[in-house]
Amino acid sequence: MTHPHIVLLDRIMAAAEASDASDLPDIYTPDAVIWHNHDDREQTVEQNARMLTRIGAWVDDLRYTDRRVTAYDTGAVQQHVLRGTRSSTGEQIALHACVVITVTDGRISRLDEYIDSAEGAKVAP
């Protein structure tokens, strides 16, 4: 059986790959915080949902590969590579990332995302 924290991460990846944020309110707590190391800013779930749906306009064939996940009592850590094709140039992208989630009452209350900023610049418009 798949650990419930890993299922939450599966759902986030499916939402990102489909550019469909409709599942996010059921994945995150209402007051969840999403933080990114590349800009040292916190986002609300609503702000993160807008970004997630926009990424589909920048990247074609978005998919997660090389996934490694470790779940523990209060959360999980996932390393992965986000791959796709940059829509504007046709360039293949690979964004190495690590996310650390904190789970409260079966939903993500905090997600910290660590990416290589040089790789991240290739993804953004």
PDB file of N, CA and C in Angstrom:
ATOM      1  N   MET A   1       0.842  -1.189   0.000  1.00  0.00           N
ATOM      2  CA  MET A   1       0.000   0.000   0.000  1.00  0.00           C
ATOM      3  C   MET A   1       0.883   1.247   0.000  1.00  0.00           C
ATOM      4  N   THR A   2       0.496   2.225  -0.795  1.00  0.00           N
ATOM      5  CA  THR A   2       1.242   3.469  -0.902  1.00  0.00           C
ATOM      6  C   THR A   2       0.963   4.345   0.315  1.00  0.00           C
ATOM      7  N   HIS A   3       2.011   4.900   0.866  1.00  0.00           N
ATOM      8  CA  HIS A   3       1.880   5.779   2.030  1.00  0.00           C
ATOM      9  C   HIS A   3       0.993   6.971   1.662  1.00  0.00           C
ATOM     10  N   PRO A   4       0.093   7.394   2.554  1.00  0.00           N
ATOM     11  CA  PRO A   4      -0.825   8.507   2.225  1.00  0.00           C
ATOM     12  C   PRO A   4      -0.120   9.826   1.892  1.00  0.00           C
ATOM     13  N   HIS A   5       1.050  10.061   2.478  1.00  0.00           N
ATOM     14  CA  HIS A   5       1.780  11.293   2.156  1.00  0.00           C
ATOM     15  C   HIS A   5       2.288  11.256   0.710  1.00  0.00           C
ATOM     16  N   ILE A   6       2.652  10.071   0.246  1.00  0.00           N
ATOM     17  CA  ILE A   6       3.112   9.917  -1.133  1.00  0.00           C
ATOM     18  C   ILE A   6       1.942  10.115  -2.096  1.00  0.00           C
ATOM     19  N   VAL A   7       0.768   9.679  -1.696  1.00  0.00           N
ATOM     20  CA  VAL A   7      -0.429   9.884  -2.521  1.00  0.00           C
ATOM     21  C   VAL A   7      -0.681  11.384  -2.716  1.00  0.00           C
ATOM     22  N   LEU A   8      -0.474  12.185  -1.676  1.00  0.00           N
ATOM     23  CA  LEU A   8      -0.632  13.641  -1.814  1.00  0.00           C
ATOM     24  C   LEU A   8       0.339  14.195  -2.857  1.00  0.00           C
ATOM     25  N   LEU A   9       1.591  13.739  -2.804  1.00  0.00           N
ATOM     26  CA  LEU A   9       2.573  14.172  -3.801  1.00  0.00           C
ATOM     27  C   LEU A   9       2.189  13.704  -5.205  1.00  0.00           C
ATOM     28  N   ASP A  10       1.678  12.479  -5.318  1.00  0.00           N
ATOM     29  CA  ASP A  10       1.197  11.971  -6.610  1.00  0.00           C
ATOM     30  C   ASP A  10       0.133  12.898  -7.186  1.00  0.00           C
ATOM     31  N   ARG A  11      -0.763  13.349  -6.332  1.00  0.00           N
ATOM     32  CA  ARG A  11      -1.857  14.206  -6.782  1.00  0.00           C
ATOM     33  C   ARG A  11      -1.351  15.576  -7.244  1.00  0.00           C
ATOM     34  N   ILE A  12      -0.351  16.117  -6.558  1.00  0.00           N
ATOM     35  CA  ILE A  12       0.223  17.395  -6.990  1.00  0.00           C
ATOM     36  C   ILE A  12       0.884  17.241  -8.352  1.00  0.00           C
ATOM     37  N   MET A  13       1.630  16.161  -8.537  1.00  0.00           N
ATOM     38  CA  MET A  13       2.298  15.948  -9.820  1.00  0.00           C
ATOM     39  C   MET A  13       1.283  15.757 -10.936  1.00  0.00           C
ATOM     40  N   ALA A  14       0.225  15.033 -10.679  1.00  0.00           N
ATOM     41  CA  ALA A  14      -0.819  14.837 -11.699  1.00  0.00           C
ATOM     42  C   ALA A  14      -1.458  16.173 -12.060  1.00  0.00           C
ATOM     43  N   ALA A  15      -1.693  17.015 -11.063  1.00  0.00           N
ATOM     44  CA  ALA A  15      -2.276  18.334 -11.323  1.00  0.00           C
ATOM     45  C   ALA A  15      -1.333  19.178 -12.181  1.00  0.00           C
ATOM     46  N   ALA A  16      -0.049  19.156 -11.856  1.00  0.00           N
ATOM     47  CA  ALA A  16       0.920  19.937 -12.630  1.00  0.00           C
ATOM     48  C   ALA A  16       1.034  19.421 -14.056  1.00  0.00           C
ATOM     49  N   GLU A  17       1.108  18.119 -14.221  1.00  0.00           N
ATOM     50  CA  GLU A  17       1.233  17.543 -15.563  1.00  0.00           C
ATOM     51  C   GLU A  17       0.023  17.866 -16.428  1.00  0.00           C
ATOM     52  N   ALA A  18      -1.142  17.979 -15.811  1.00  0.00           N
ATOM     53  CA  ALA A  18      -2.373  18.282 -16.545  1.00  0.00           C
ATOM     54  C   ALA A  18      -2.667  19.788 -16.591  1.00  0.00           C
ATOM     55  N   SER A  19      -1.855  20.600 -15.927  1.00  0.00           N
ATOM     56  CA  SER A  19      -2.122  22.044 -15.783  1.00  0.00           C
ATOM     57  C   SER A  19      -3.535  22.276 -15.266  1.00  0.00           C
ATOM     58  N   ASP A  20      -3.915  21.484 -14.269  1.00  0.00           N
ATOM     59  CA  ASP A  20      -5.262  21.546 -13.703  1.00  0.00           C
ATOM     60  C   ASP A  20      -5.153  21.609 -12.187  1.00  0.00           C
ATOM     61  N   ALA A  21      -5.416  22.767 -11.633  1.00  0.00           N
ATOM     62  CA  ALA A  21      -5.257  22.987 -10.192  1.00  0.00           C
ATOM     63  C   ALA A  21      -6.517  22.682  -9.390  1.00  0.00           C
ATOM     64  N   SER A  22      -7.538  22.117 -10.008  1.00  0.00           N
ATOM     65  CA  SER A  22      -8.817  21.931  -9.317  1.00  0.00           C
ATOM     66  C   SER A  22      -8.728  21.007  -8.107  1.00  0.00           C
ATOM     67  N   ASP A  23      -7.739  20.124  -8.053  1.00  0.00           N
ATOM     68  CA  ASP A  23      -7.593  19.196  -6.931  1.00  0.00           C
ATOM     69  C   ASP A  23      -6.835  19.804  -5.748  1.00  0.00           C
ATOM     70  N   LEU A  24      -6.149  20.924  -5.954  1.00  0.00           N
ATOM     71  CA  LEU A  24      -5.291  21.478  -4.910  1.00  0.00           C
ATOM     72  C   LEU A  24      -6.011  21.808  -3.602  1.00  0.00           C
ATOM     73  N   PRO A  25      -7.227  22.350  -3.617  1.00  0.00           N
ATOM     74  CA  PRO A  25      -7.891  22.632  -2.336  1.00  0.00           C
ATOM     75  C   PRO A  25      -8.116  21.384  -1.474  1.00  0.00           C
ATOM     76  N   ASP A  26      -8.170  20.225  -2.087  1.00  0.00           N
ATOM     77  CA  ASP A  26      -8.334  18.982  -1.327  1.00  0.00           C
ATOM     78  C   ASP A  26      -7.000  18.392  -0.892  1.00  0.00           C
ATOM     79  N   ILE A  27      -5.912  18.857  -1.477  1.00  0.00           N
ATOM     80  CA  ILE A  27      -4.576  18.361  -1.138  1.00  0.00           C
ATOM     81  C   ILE A  27      -3.970  19.180  -0.003  1.00  0.00           C
ATOM     82  N   TYR A  28      -4.172  20.483  -0.048  1.00  0.00           N
ATOM     83  CA  TYR A  28      -3.589  21.404   0.923  1.00  0.00           C
ATOM     84  C   TYR A  28      -4.611  21.810   1.983  1.00  0.00           C
ATOM     85  N   THR A  29      -4.114  22.166   3.171  1.00  0.00           N
ATOM     86  CA  THR A  29      -4.974  22.807   4.165  1.00  0.00           C
ATOM     87  C   THR A  29      -5.304  24.211   3.654  1.00  0.00           C
ATOM     88  N   PRO A  30      -6.395  24.807   4.108  1.00  0.00           N
ATOM     89  CA  PRO A  30      -6.768  26.139   3.618  1.00  0.00           C
ATOM     90  C   PRO A  30      -5.692  27.201   3.861  1.00  0.00           C
ATOM     91  N   ASP A  31      -4.924  27.057   4.928  1.00  0.00           N
ATOM     92  CA  ASP A  31      -3.896  28.048   5.260  1.00  0.00           C
ATOM     93  C   ASP A  31      -2.484  27.578   4.915  1.00  0.00           C
ATOM     94  N   ALA A  32      -2.374  26.620   4.023  1.00  0.00           N
ATOM     95  CA  ALA A  32      -1.063  26.061   3.668  1.00  0.00           C
ATOM     96  C   ALA A  32      -0.147  27.133   3.078  1.00  0.00           C
ATOM     97  N   VAL A  33       1.144  26.890   3.255  1.00  0.00           N
ATOM     98  CA  VAL A  33       2.175  27.791   2.752  1.00  0.00           C
ATOM     99  C   VAL A  33       3.065  27.004   1.794  1.00  0.00           C
ATOM    100  N   ILE A  34       3.329  27.579   0.641  1.00  0.00           N
ATOM    101  CA  ILE A  34       4.251  26.993  -0.337  1.00  0.00           C
ATOM    102  C   ILE A  34       5.407  27.970  -0.473  1.00  0.00           C
ATOM    103  N   TRP A  35       6.612  27.501  -0.186  1.00  0.00           N
ATOM    104  CA  TRP A  35       7.809  28.355  -0.201  1.00  0.00           C
ATOM    105  C   TRP A  35       8.778  27.835  -1.252  1.00  0.00           C
ATOM    106  N   HIS A  36       9.457  28.751  -1.944  1.00  0.00           N
ATOM    107  CA  HIS A  36      10.451  28.394  -2.964  1.00  0.00           C
ATOM    108  C   HIS A  36      11.793  29.014  -2.608  1.00  0.00           C
ATOM    109  N   ASN A  37      12.839  28.226  -2.695  1.00  0.00           N
ATOM    110  CA  ASN A  37      14.167  28.738  -2.353  1.00  0.00           C
ATOM    111  C   ASN A  37      14.677  29.772  -3.350  1.00  0.00           C
ATOM    112  N   HIS A  38      14.264  29.671  -4.622  1.00  0.00           N
ATOM    113  CA  HIS A  38      14.836  30.554  -5.640  1.00  0.00           C
ATOM    114  C   HIS A  38      14.426  32.010  -5.479  1.00  0.00           C
ATOM    115  N   ASP A  39      13.289  32.272  -4.815  1.00  0.00           N
ATOM    116  CA  ASP A  39      12.885  33.656  -4.595  1.00  0.00           C
ATOM    117  C   ASP A  39      12.625  33.976  -3.122  1.00  0.00           C
ATOM    118  N   ASP A  40      12.761  32.965  -2.260  1.00  0.00           N
ATOM    119  CA  ASP A  40      12.568  33.117  -0.818  1.00  0.00           C
ATOM    120  C   ASP A  40      11.226  33.765  -0.489  1.00  0.00           C
ATOM    121  N   ARG A  41      10.201  33.352  -1.246  1.00  0.00           N
ATOM    122  CA  ARG A  41       8.857  33.878  -1.014  1.00  0.00           C
ATOM    123  C   ARG A  41       7.906  32.745  -0.670  1.00  0.00           C
ATOM    124  N   GLU A  42       6.898  33.094   0.099  1.00  0.00           N
ATOM    125  CA  GLU A  42       5.837  32.147   0.420  1.00  0.00           C
ATOM    126  C   GLU A  42       4.633  32.451  -0.457  1.00  0.00           C
ATOM    127  N   GLN A  43       3.949  31.380  -0.853  1.00  0.00           N
ATOM    128  CA  GLN A  43       2.738  31.509  -1.651  1.00  0.00           C
ATOM    129  C   GLN A  43       1.577  30.879  -0.897  1.00  0.00           C
ATOM    130  N   THR A  44       0.391  31.367  -1.196  1.00  0.00           N
ATOM    131  CA  THR A  44      -0.819  30.708  -0.738  1.00  0.00           C
ATOM    132  C   THR A  44      -1.148  29.587  -1.724  1.00  0.00           C
ATOM    133  N   VAL A  45      -2.087  28.761  -1.374  1.00  0.00           N
ATOM    134  CA  VAL A  45      -2.532  27.701  -2.285  1.00  0.00           C
ATOM    135  C   VAL A  45      -3.095  28.328  -3.558  1.00  0.00           C
ATOM    136  N   GLU A  46      -3.855  29.402  -3.425  1.00  0.00           N
ATOM    137  CA  GLU A  46      -4.435  30.068  -4.596  1.00  0.00           C
ATOM    138  C   GLU A  46      -3.347  30.598  -5.531  1.00  0.00           C
ATOM    139  N   GLN A  47      -2.333  31.225  -4.974  1.00  0.00           N
ATOM    140  CA  GLN A  47      -1.232  31.735  -5.797  1.00  0.00           C
ATOM    141  C   GLN A  47      -0.485  30.589  -6.480  1.00  0.00           C
ATOM    142  N   ASN A  48      -0.270  29.516  -5.754  1.00  0.00           N
ATOM    143  CA  ASN A  48       0.422  28.369  -6.323  1.00  0.00           C
ATOM    144  C   ASN A  48      -0.413  27.722  -7.417  1.00  0.00           C
ATOM    145  N   ALA A  49      -1.719  27.687  -7.237  1.00  0.00           N
ATOM    146  CA  ALA A  49      -2.611  27.116  -8.250  1.00  0.00           C
ATOM    147  C   ALA A  49      -2.523  27.905  -9.556  1.00  0.00           C
ATOM    148  N   ARG A  50      -2.466  29.232  -9.457  1.00  0.00           N
ATOM    149  CA  ARG A  50      -2.336  30.059 -10.668  1.00  0.00           C
ATOM    150  C   ARG A  50      -1.024  29.754 -11.390  1.00  0.00           C
ATOM    151  N   MET A  51       0.058  29.620 -10.639  1.00  0.00           N
ATOM    152  CA  MET A  51       1.359  29.306 -11.246  1.00  0.00           C
ATOM    153  C   MET A  51       1.325  27.917 -11.888  1.00  0.00           C
ATOM    154  N   LEU A  52       0.723  26.975 -11.211  1.00  0.00           N
ATOM    155  CA  LEU A  52       0.665  25.605 -11.725  1.00  0.00           C
ATOM    156  C   LEU A  52      -0.090  25.551 -13.056  1.00  0.00           C
ATOM    157  N   THR A  53      -1.167  26.286 -13.177  1.00  0.00           N
ATOM    158  CA  THR A  53      -1.926  26.249 -14.430  1.00  0.00           C
ATOM    159  C   THR A  53      -1.215  26.999 -15.547  1.00  0.00           C
ATOM    160  N   ARG A  54      -0.408  28.007 -15.208  1.00  0.00           N
ATOM    161  CA  ARG A  54       0.324  28.755 -16.230  1.00  0.00           C
ATOM    162  C   ARG A  54       1.514  27.987 -16.783  1.00  0.00           C
ATOM    163  N   ILE A  55       2.091  27.101 -16.008  1.00  0.00           N
ATOM    164  CA  ILE A  55       3.301  26.419 -16.465  1.00  0.00           C
ATOM    165  C   ILE A  55       3.024  25.601 -17.732  1.00  0.00           C
ATOM    166  N   GLY A  56       1.794  25.146 -17.908  1.00  0.00           N
ATOM    167  CA  GLY A  56       1.439  24.407 -19.113  1.00  0.00           C
ATOM    168  C   GLY A  56       1.565  25.233 -20.378  1.00  0.00           C
ATOM    169  N   ALA A  57       1.496  26.556 -20.249  1.00  0.00           N
ATOM    170  CA  ALA A  57       1.675  27.437 -21.408  1.00  0.00           C
ATOM    171  C   ALA A  57       3.149  27.620 -21.740  1.00  0.00           C
ATOM    172  N   TRP A  58       4.028  27.369 -20.780  1.00  0.00           N
ATOM    173  CA  TRP A  58       5.470  27.557 -20.984  1.00  0.00           C
ATOM    174  C   TRP A  58       6.178  26.270 -21.368  1.00  0.00           C
ATOM    175  N   VAL A  59       5.613  25.135 -20.897  1.00  0.00           N
ATOM    176  CA  VAL A  59       6.301  23.854 -21.054  1.00  0.00           C
ATOM    177  C   VAL A  59       5.338  22.827 -21.643  1.00  0.00           C
ATOM    178  N   ASP A  60       5.730  22.214 -22.742  1.00  0.00           N
ATOM    179  CA  ASP A  60       4.961  21.123 -23.344  1.00  0.00           C
ATOM    180  C   ASP A  60       5.481  19.800 -22.793  1.00  0.00           C
ATOM    181  N   ASP A  61       4.635  18.795 -22.808  1.00  0.00           N
ATOM    182  CA  ASP A  61       5.021  17.443 -22.388  1.00  0.00           C
ATOM    183  C   ASP A  61       5.604  17.419 -20.981  1.00  0.00           C
ATOM    184  N   LEU A  62       5.035  18.204 -20.095  1.00  0.00           N
ATOM    185  CA  LEU A  62       5.508  18.279 -18.717  1.00  0.00           C
ATOM    186  C   LEU A  62       5.368  16.918 -18.044  1.00  0.00           C
ATOM    187  N   ARG A  63       6.458  16.461 -17.407  1.00  0.00           N
ATOM    188  CA  ARG A  63       6.421  15.180 -16.707  1.00  0.00           C
ATOM    189  C   ARG A  63       7.498  15.144 -15.629  1.00  0.00           C
ATOM    190  N   TYR A  64       7.249  14.334 -14.614  1.00  0.00           N
ATOM    191  CA  TYR A  64       8.194  14.138 -13.519  1.00  0.00           C
ATOM    192  C   TYR A  64       8.904  12.804 -13.719  1.00  0.00           C
ATOM    193  N   THR A  65      10.234  12.823 -13.580  1.00  0.00           N
ATOM    194  CA  THR A  65      11.011  11.593 -13.720  1.00  0.00           C
ATOM    195  C   THR A  65      11.982  11.481 -12.543  1.00  0.00           C
ATOM    196  N   ASP A  66      12.650  10.363 -12.469  1.00  0.00           N
ATOM    197  CA  ASP A  66      13.710  10.137 -11.478  1.00  0.00           C
ATOM    198  C   ASP A  66      13.243  10.472 -10.058  1.00  0.00           C
ATOM    199  N   ARG A  67      12.065  10.050  -9.751  1.00  0.00           N
ATOM    200  CA  ARG A  67      11.439  10.382  -8.481  1.00  0.00           C
ATOM    201  C   ARG A  67      11.942   9.474  -7.360  1.00  0.00           C
ATOM    202  N   ARG A  68      12.318  10.104  -6.261  1.00  0.00           N
ATOM    203  CA  ARG A  68      12.723   9.379  -5.054  1.00  0.00           C
ATOM    204  C   ARG A  68      11.999  10.025  -3.884  1.00  0.00           C
ATOM    205  N   VAL A  69      11.236   9.216  -3.145  1.00  0.00           N
ATOM    206  CA  VAL A  69      10.406   9.752  -2.072  1.00  0.00           C
ATOM    207  C   VAL A  69      10.670   8.985  -0.779  1.00  0.00           C
ATOM    208  N   THR A  70      10.768   9.726   0.305  1.00  0.00           N
ATOM    209  CA  THR A  70      10.838   9.142   1.637  1.00  0.00           C
ATOM    210  C   THR A  70       9.742   9.773   2.474  1.00  0.00           C
ATOM    211  N   ALA A  71       8.850   8.946   2.970  1.00  0.00           N
ATOM    212  CA  ALA A  71       7.761   9.425   3.820  1.00  0.00           C
ATOM    213  C   ALA A  71       8.107   9.147   5.280  1.00  0.00           C
ATOM    214  N   TYR A  72       7.631   9.999   6.142  1.00  0.00           N
ATOM    215  CA  TYR A  72       7.807   9.823   7.574  1.00  0.00           C
ATOM    216  C   TYR A  72       6.523  10.284   8.259  1.00  0.00           C
ATOM    217  N   ASP A  73       6.461  10.214   9.569  1.00  0.00           N
ATOM    218  CA  ASP A  73       5.214  10.452  10.296  1.00  0.00           C
ATOM    219  C   ASP A  73       4.535  11.779   9.968  1.00  0.00           C
ATOM    220  N   THR A  74       5.297  12.855   9.884  1.00  0.00           N
ATOM    221  CA  THR A  74       4.691  14.172   9.726  1.00  0.00           C
ATOM    222  C   THR A  74       4.847  14.769   8.334  1.00  0.00           C
ATOM    223  N   GLY A  75       5.363  13.983   7.382  1.00  0.00           N
ATOM    224  CA  GLY A  75       5.533  14.523   6.043  1.00  0.00           C
ATOM    225  C   GLY A  75       6.310  13.612   5.130  1.00  0.00           C
ATOM    226  N   ALA A  76       6.977  14.215   4.148  1.00  0.00           N
ATOM    227  CA  ALA A  76       7.748  13.444   3.171  1.00  0.00           C
ATOM    228  C   ALA A  76       8.742  14.365   2.481  1.00  0.00           C
ATOM    229  N   VAL A  77       9.755  13.742   1.895  1.00  0.00           N
ATOM    230  CA  VAL A  77      10.737  14.433   1.066  1.00  0.00           C
ATOM    231  C   VAL A  77      10.717  13.754  -0.293  1.00  0.00           C
ATOM    232  N   GLN A  78      10.676  14.556  -1.339  1.00  0.00           N
ATOM    233  CA  GLN A  78      10.706  14.009  -2.698  1.00  0.00           C
ATOM    234  C   GLN A  78      11.753  14.731  -3.520  1.00  0.00           C
ATOM    235  N   GLN A  79      12.592  13.958  -4.183  1.00  0.00           N
ATOM    236  CA  GLN A  79      13.513  14.491  -5.181  1.00  0.00           C
ATOM    237  C   GLN A  79      12.982  14.041  -6.531  1.00  0.00           C
ATOM    238  N   HIS A  80      13.111  14.900  -7.539  1.00  0.00           N
ATOM    239  CA  HIS A  80      12.632  14.542  -8.870  1.00  0.00           C
ATOM    240  C   HIS A  80      13.278  15.451  -9.907  1.00  0.00           C
ATOM    241  N   VAL A  81      13.030  15.110 -11.162  1.00  0.00           N
ATOM    242  CA  VAL A  81      13.419  15.976 -12.268  1.00  0.00           C
ATOM    243  C   VAL A  81      12.143  16.286 -13.045  1.00  0.00           C
ATOM    244  N   LEU A  82      11.861  17.566 -13.194  1.00  0.00           N
ATOM    245  CA  LEU A  82      10.734  18.014 -14.002  1.00  0.00           C
ATOM    246  C   LEU A  82      11.254  18.187 -15.415  1.00  0.00           C
ATOM    247  N   ARG A  83      10.661  17.476 -16.346  1.00  0.00           N
ATOM    248  CA  ARG A  83      11.133  17.507 -17.733  1.00  0.00           C
ATOM    249  C   ARG A  83      10.021  17.978 -18.660  1.00  0.00           C
ATOM    250  N   GLY A  84      10.427  18.473 -19.792  1.00  0.00           N
ATOM    251  CA  GLY A  84       9.482  18.897 -20.804  1.00  0.00           C
ATOM    252  C   GLY A  84      10.205  19.636 -21.908  1.00  0.00           C
ATOM    253  N   THR A  85       9.412  20.273 -22.747  1.00  0.00           N
ATOM    254  CA  THR A  85       9.934  21.054 -23.865  1.00  0.00           C
ATOM    255  C   THR A  85       9.480  22.491 -23.699  1.00  0.00           C
ATOM    256  N   ARG A  86      10.415  23.399 -23.687  1.00  0.00           N
ATOM    257  CA  ARG A  86      10.049  24.815 -23.560  1.00  0.00           C
ATOM    258  C   ARG A  86       9.251  25.223 -24.794  1.00  0.00           C
ATOM    259  N   SER A  87       8.044  25.691 -24.579  1.00  0.00           N
ATOM    260  CA  SER A  87       7.110  25.994 -25.665  1.00  0.00           C
ATOM    261  C   SER A  87       7.663  27.011 -26.650  1.00  0.00           C
ATOM    262  N   SER A  88       8.331  28.028 -26.167  1.00  0.00           N
ATOM    263  CA  SER A  88       8.768  29.117 -27.035  1.00  0.00           C
ATOM    264  C   SER A  88       9.974  28.778 -27.903  1.00  0.00           C
ATOM    265  N   THR A  89      10.801  27.818 -27.464  1.00  0.00           N
ATOM    266  CA  THR A  89      12.050  27.545 -28.187  1.00  0.00           C
ATOM    267  C   THR A  89      12.203  26.107 -28.659  1.00  0.00           C
ATOM    268  N   GLY A  90      11.409  25.200 -28.102  1.00  0.00           N
ATOM    269  CA  GLY A  90      11.576  23.787 -28.421  1.00  0.00           C
ATOM    270  C   GLY A  90      12.710  23.134 -27.651  1.00  0.00           C
ATOM    271  N   GLU A  91      13.353  23.880 -26.782  1.00  0.00           N
ATOM    272  CA  GLU A  91      14.471  23.360 -25.985  1.00  0.00           C
ATOM    273  C   GLU A  91      13.971  22.359 -24.937  1.00  0.00           C
ATOM    274  N   GLN A  92      14.687  21.257 -24.795  1.00  0.00           N
ATOM    275  CA  GLN A  92      14.385  20.283 -23.747  1.00  0.00           C
ATOM    276  C   GLN A  92      14.860  20.857 -22.412  1.00  0.00           C
ATOM    277  N   ILE A  93      14.011  20.739 -21.406  1.00  0.00           N
ATOM    278  CA  ILE A  93      14.393  21.236 -20.093  1.00  0.00           C
ATOM    279  C   ILE A  93      14.438  20.097 -19.090  1.00  0.00           C
ATOM    280  N   ALA A  94      15.253  20.284 -18.076  1.00  0.00           N
ATOM    281  CA  ALA A  94      15.334  19.364 -16.951  1.00  0.00           C
ATOM    282  C   ALA A  94      15.556  20.222 -15.718  1.00  0.00           C
ATOM    283  N   LEU A  95      14.602  20.203 -14.825  1.00  0.00           N
ATOM    284  CA  LEU A  95      14.655  21.001 -13.608  1.00  0.00           C
ATOM    285  C   LEU A  95      14.743  20.053 -12.414  1.00  0.00           C
ATOM    286  N   HIS A  96      15.918  19.967 -11.822  1.00  0.00           N
ATOM    287  CA  HIS A  96      16.120  19.121 -10.646  1.00  0.00           C
ATOM    288  C   HIS A  96      15.534  19.826  -9.435  1.00  0.00           C
ATOM    289  N   ALA A  97      14.768  19.091  -8.640  1.00  0.00           N
ATOM    290  CA  ALA A  97      14.085  19.714  -7.516  1.00  0.00           C
ATOM    291  C   ALA A  97      13.976  18.758  -6.340  1.00  0.00           C
ATOM    292  N   CYS A  98      13.746  19.359  -5.197  1.00  0.00           N
ATOM    293  CA  CYS A  98      13.475  18.624  -3.977  1.00  0.00           C
ATOM    294  C   CYS A  98      12.333  19.347  -3.280  1.00  0.00           C
ATOM    295  N   VAL A  99      11.330  18.607  -2.849  1.00  0.00           N
ATOM    296  CA  VAL A  99      10.243  19.203  -2.073  1.00  0.00           C
ATOM    297  C   VAL A  99      10.163  18.495  -0.727  1.00  0.00           C
ATOM    298  N   VAL A 100       9.879  19.284   0.273  1.00  0.00           N
ATOM    299  CA  VAL A 100       9.687  18.774   1.628  1.00  0.00           C
ATOM    300  C   VAL A 100       8.291  19.192   2.041  1.00  0.00           C
ATOM    301  N   ILE A 101       7.457  18.219   2.396  1.00  0.00           N
ATOM    302  CA  ILE A 101       6.088  18.547   2.794  1.00  0.00           C
ATOM    303  C   ILE A 101       5.873  18.229   4.268  1.00  0.00           C
ATOM    304  N   THR A 102       5.038  19.048   4.875  1.00  0.00           N
ATOM    305  CA  THR A 102       4.544  18.790   6.220  1.00  0.00           C
ATOM    306  C   THR A 102       3.063  18.487   6.077  1.00  0.00           C
ATOM    307  N   VAL A 103       2.625  17.395   6.692  1.00  0.00           N
ATOM    308  CA  VAL A 103       1.232  16.969   6.573  1.00  0.00           C
ATOM    309  C   VAL A 103       0.551  17.119   7.928  1.00  0.00           C
ATOM    310  N   THR A 104      -0.618  17.755   7.903  1.00  0.00           N
ATOM    311  CA  THR A 104      -1.429  17.966   9.098  1.00  0.00           C
ATOM    312  C   THR A 104      -2.837  17.469   8.803  1.00  0.00           C
ATOM    313  N   ASP A 105      -3.310  16.538   9.595  1.00  0.00           N
ATOM    314  CA  ASP A 105      -4.668  15.999   9.421  1.00  0.00           C
ATOM    315  C   ASP A 105      -4.929  15.520   7.999  1.00  0.00           C
ATOM    316  N   GLY A 106      -3.938  14.863   7.402  1.00  0.00           N
ATOM    317  CA  GLY A 106      -4.116  14.247   6.093  1.00  0.00           C
ATOM    318  C   GLY A 106      -3.971  15.165   4.900  1.00  0.00           C
ATOM    319  N   ARG A 107      -3.599  16.428   5.140  1.00  0.00           N
ATOM    320  CA  ARG A 107      -3.411  17.375   4.040  1.00  0.00           C
ATOM    321  C   ARG A 107      -2.090  18.106   4.227  1.00  0.00           C
ATOM    322  N   ILE A 108      -1.558  18.626   3.140  1.00  0.00           N
ATOM    323  CA  ILE A 108      -0.283  19.330   3.199  1.00  0.00           C
ATOM    324  C   ILE A 108      -0.511  20.723   3.790  1.00  0.00           C
ATOM    325  N   SER A 109       0.216  21.018   4.871  1.00  0.00           N
ATOM    326  CA  SER A 109       0.119  22.334   5.491  1.00  0.00           C
ATOM    327  C   SER A 109       1.307  23.227   5.108  1.00  0.00           C
ATOM    328  N   ARG A 110       2.376  22.606   4.633  1.00  0.00           N
ATOM    329  CA  ARG A 110       3.542  23.372   4.171  1.00  0.00           C
ATOM    330  C   ARG A 110       4.287  22.546   3.140  1.00  0.00           C
ATOM    331  N   LEU A 111       4.732  23.237   2.073  1.00  0.00           N
ATOM    332  CA  LEU A 111       5.580  22.618   1.057  1.00  0.00           C
ATOM    333  C   LEU A 111       6.736  23.567   0.805  1.00  0.00           C
ATOM    334  N   ASP A 112       7.948  23.068   1.000  1.00  0.00           N
ATOM    335  CA  ASP A 112       9.158  23.827   0.702  1.00  0.00           C
ATOM    336  C   ASP A 112       9.789  23.214  -0.538  1.00  0.00           C
ATOM    337  N   GLU A 113      10.007  24.038  -1.562  1.00  0.00           N
ATOM    338  CA  GLU A 113      10.563  23.546  -2.821  1.00  0.00           C
ATOM    339  C   GLU A 113      11.945  24.150  -3.051  1.00  0.00           C
ATOM    340  N   TYR A 114      12.886  23.284  -3.359  1.00  0.00           N
ATOM    341  CA  TYR A 114      14.263  23.685  -3.624  1.00  0.00           C
ATOM    342  C   TYR A 114      14.599  23.321  -5.063  1.00  0.00           C
ATOM    343  N   ILE A 115      14.986  24.345  -5.845  1.00  0.00           N
ATOM    344  CA  ILE A 115      15.356  24.113  -7.239  1.00  0.00           C
ATOM    345  C   ILE A 115      16.676  24.815  -7.539  1.00  0.00           C
ATOM    346  N   ASP A 116      17.301  24.398  -8.615  1.00  0.00           N
ATOM    347  CA  ASP A 116      18.478  25.076  -9.140  1.00  0.00           C
ATOM    348  C   ASP A 116      17.958  26.287  -9.914  1.00  0.00           C
ATOM    349  N   SER A 117      18.321  27.490  -9.477  1.00  0.00           N
ATOM    350  CA  SER A 117      17.765  28.693 -10.098  1.00  0.00           C
ATOM    351  C   SER A 117      18.142  28.841 -11.573  1.00  0.00           C
ATOM    352  N   ALA A 118      19.316  28.358 -11.963  1.00  0.00           N
ATOM    353  CA  ALA A 118      19.713  28.435 -13.381  1.00  0.00           C
ATOM    354  C   ALA A 118      18.811  27.530 -14.221  1.00  0.00           C
ATOM    355  N   GLU A 119      18.515  26.349 -13.718  1.00  0.00           N
ATOM    356  CA  GLU A 119      17.593  25.466 -14.437  1.00  0.00           C
ATOM    357  C   GLU A 119      16.183  26.057 -14.432  1.00  0.00           C
ATOM    358  N   GLY A 120      15.784  26.640 -13.330  1.00  0.00           N
ATOM    359  CA  GLY A 120      14.451  27.237 -13.226  1.00  0.00           C
ATOM    360  C   GLY A 120      14.239  28.368 -14.206  1.00  0.00           C
ATOM    361  N   ALA A 121      15.278  29.113 -14.493  1.00  0.00           N
ATOM    362  CA  ALA A 121      15.174  30.224 -15.446  1.00  0.00           C
ATOM    363  C   ALA A 121      14.826  29.734 -16.846  1.00  0.00           C
ATOM    364  N   LYS A 122      15.183  28.501 -17.168  1.00  0.00           N
ATOM    365  CA  LYS A 122      14.865  27.939 -18.478  1.00  0.00           C
ATOM    366  C   LYS A 122      13.395  27.545 -18.602  1.00  0.00           C
ATOM    367  N   VAL A 123      12.725  27.383 -17.479  1.00  0.00           N
ATOM    368  CA  VAL A 123      11.317  26.971 -17.484  1.00  0.00           C
ATOM    369  C   VAL A 123      10.395  28.187 -17.605  1.00  0.00           C
ATOM    370  N   ALA A 124      10.709  29.251 -16.891  1.00  0.00           N
ATOM    371  CA  ALA A 124       9.844  30.430 -16.856  1.00  0.00           C
ATOM    372  C   ALA A 124       9.837  31.124 -18.220  1.00  0.00           C
ATOM    373  N   PRO A 125       8.753  31.876 -18.485  1.00  0.00           N
ATOM    374  CA  PRO A 125       8.645  32.565 -19.778  1.00  0.00           C
ATOM    375  C   PRO A 125       9.719  33.617 -19.975  1.00  0.00           C
TER     376      PRO A 125
END
